[in-house]
Amino acid sequence: MNAANMVAIVLIIGGILGLVYGDFSYTRETQEAKLGPLELSVKDTETVYVPVWVSVGVIVVGGGILLLANKKASS
């Protein structure tokens, strides 16, 4: 399996995950303060929404790369 096939498969899997889940969340620390023995930190949860058209586009691009890579390999 060459690099183009691996990239295509990763794109297709990523597109399918984008369609299935639609969004993902992550937590980041935004502020931190140390006042003597006290440590204060604020954690924000961010949510990123993946549009359906982006997921479908990634699947189409991955499929196109996969088809072109296999067509070149068979020629």
C-alpha atoms as a PDB file:
ATOM      1  CA  MET A   1       0.000   0.000   0.000  1.00  0.00           C
ATOM      2  CA  ASN A   2       1.541   3.285  -1.046  1.00  0.00           C
ATOM      3  CA  ALA A   3       1.291   6.698   0.593  1.00  0.00           C
ATOM      4  CA  ALA A   4      -1.535   7.926  -1.677  1.00  0.00           C
ATOM      5  CA  ASN A   5      -3.741   4.991  -0.692  1.00  0.00           C
ATOM      6  CA  MET A   6      -3.053   5.573   2.995  1.00  0.00           C
ATOM      7  CA  VAL A   7      -3.880   9.294   2.729  1.00  0.00           C
ATOM      8  CA  ALA A   8      -7.075   8.468   0.832  1.00  0.00           C
ATOM      9  CA  ILE A   9      -8.170   5.958   3.464  1.00  0.00           C
ATOM     10  CA  VAL A  10      -7.461   8.426   6.285  1.00  0.00           C
ATOM     11  CA  LEU A  11      -9.523  11.094   4.471  1.00  0.00           C
ATOM     12  CA  ILE A  12     -12.431   8.708   3.924  1.00  0.00           C
ATOM     13  CA  ILE A  13     -12.408   7.580   7.570  1.00  0.00           C
ATOM     14  CA  GLY A  14     -12.193  11.198   8.743  1.00  0.00           C
ATOM     15  CA  GLY A  15     -15.140  12.162   6.530  1.00  0.00           C
ATOM     16  CA  ILE A  16     -17.232   9.280   7.824  1.00  0.00           C
ATOM     17  CA  LEU A  17     -16.422  10.237  11.425  1.00  0.00           C
ATOM     18  CA  GLY A  18     -17.402  13.827  10.629  1.00  0.00           C
ATOM     19  CA  LEU A  19     -20.766  12.627   9.322  1.00  0.00           C
ATOM     20  CA  VAL A  20     -21.407  10.305  12.257  1.00  0.00           C
ATOM     21  CA  TYR A  21     -20.413  12.647  15.097  1.00  0.00           C
ATOM     22  CA  GLY A  22     -20.861  16.117  13.583  1.00  0.00           C
ATOM     23  CA  ASP A  23     -18.903  17.875  16.314  1.00  0.00           C
ATOM     24  CA  PHE A  24     -16.147  17.357  18.831  1.00  0.00           C
ATOM     25  CA  SER A  25     -15.201  19.024  22.082  1.00  0.00           C
ATOM     26  CA  TYR A  26     -11.909  19.688  23.770  1.00  0.00           C
ATOM     27  CA  THR A  27     -10.894  21.328  27.024  1.00  0.00           C
ATOM     28  CA  ARG A  28      -8.168  23.916  27.386  1.00  0.00           C
ATOM     29  CA  GLU A  29      -6.809  25.866  30.303  1.00  0.00           C
ATOM     30  CA  THR A  30      -7.157  29.577  29.633  1.00  0.00           C
ATOM     31  CA  GLN A  31      -5.944  31.280  32.807  1.00  0.00           C
ATOM     32  CA  GLU A  32      -3.748  30.212  35.628  1.00  0.00           C
ATOM     33  CA  ALA A  33      -2.807  32.089  38.770  1.00  0.00           C
ATOM     34  CA  LYS A  34      -0.513  31.105  41.609  1.00  0.00           C
ATOM     35  CA  LEU A  35      -1.027  32.995  44.824  1.00  0.00           C
ATOM     36  CA  GLY A  36       1.308  31.482  47.368  1.00  0.00           C
ATOM     37  CA  PRO A  37       0.102  27.954  48.096  1.00  0.00           C
ATOM     38  CA  LEU A  38      -3.117  28.468  46.088  1.00  0.00           C
ATOM     39  CA  GLU A  39      -3.270  27.591  42.408  1.00  0.00           C
ATOM     40  CA  LEU A  40      -6.247  28.742  40.363  1.00  0.00           C
ATOM     41  CA  SER A  41      -6.996  27.737  36.804  1.00  0.00           C
ATOM     42  CA  VAL A  42      -9.948  28.140  34.468  1.00  0.00           C
ATOM     43  CA  LYS A  43     -10.792  25.389  32.025  1.00  0.00           C
ATOM     44  CA  ASP A  44     -12.915  26.175  28.979  1.00  0.00           C
ATOM     45  CA  THR A  45     -14.652  23.525  26.931  1.00  0.00           C
ATOM     46  CA  GLU A  46     -14.681  24.366  23.240  1.00  0.00           C
ATOM     47  CA  THR A  47     -16.964  22.659  20.719  1.00  0.00           C
ATOM     48  CA  VAL A  48     -16.104  22.527  17.026  1.00  0.00           C
ATOM     49  CA  TYR A  49     -18.934  21.759  14.610  1.00  0.00           C
ATOM     50  CA  VAL A  50     -18.074  19.969  11.352  1.00  0.00           C
ATOM     51  CA  PRO A  51     -20.462  20.904   8.519  1.00  0.00           C
ATOM     52  CA  VAL A  52     -21.961  18.043   6.529  1.00  0.00           C
ATOM     53  CA  TRP A  53     -20.663  19.460   3.247  1.00  0.00           C
ATOM     54  CA  VAL A  54     -17.089  19.378   4.565  1.00  0.00           C
ATOM     55  CA  SER A  55     -17.438  15.728   5.571  1.00  0.00           C
ATOM     56  CA  VAL A  56     -18.923  14.763   2.210  1.00  0.00           C
ATOM     57  CA  GLY A  57     -16.222  16.743   0.387  1.00  0.00           C
ATOM     58  CA  VAL A  58     -13.459  14.980   2.309  1.00  0.00           C
ATOM     59  CA  ILE A  59     -14.996  11.593   1.468  1.00  0.00           C
ATOM     60  CA  VAL A  60     -15.215  12.520  -2.232  1.00  0.00           C
ATOM     61  CA  VAL A  61     -11.611  13.760  -2.313  1.00  0.00           C
ATOM     62  CA  GLY A  62     -10.403  10.609  -0.543  1.00  0.00           C
ATOM     63  CA  GLY A  63     -12.334   8.426  -2.975  1.00  0.00           C
ATOM     64  CA  GLY A  64     -10.915  10.345  -5.928  1.00  0.00           C
ATOM     65  CA  ILE A  65      -7.353   9.939  -4.674  1.00  0.00           C
ATOM     66  CA  LEU A  66      -7.967   6.240  -4.087  1.00  0.00           C
ATOM     67  CA  LEU A  67      -9.350   5.745  -7.601  1.00  0.00           C
ATOM     68  CA  LEU A  68      -6.552   7.720  -9.264  1.00  0.00           C
ATOM     69  CA  ALA A  69      -3.844   5.924  -7.297  1.00  0.00           C
ATOM     70  CA  ASN A  70      -5.266   2.523  -8.223  1.00  0.00           C
ATOM     71  CA  LYS A  71      -5.711   3.531 -11.855  1.00  0.00           C
ATOM     72  CA  LYS A  72      -2.060   4.612 -12.099  1.00  0.00           C
ATOM     73  CA  ALA A  73      -0.895   1.431 -10.385  1.00  0.00           C
ATOM     74  CA  SER A  74      -2.783  -0.808 -12.819  1.00  0.00           C
ATOM     75  CA  SER A  75      -1.516   1.025 -15.919  1.00  0.00           C
END
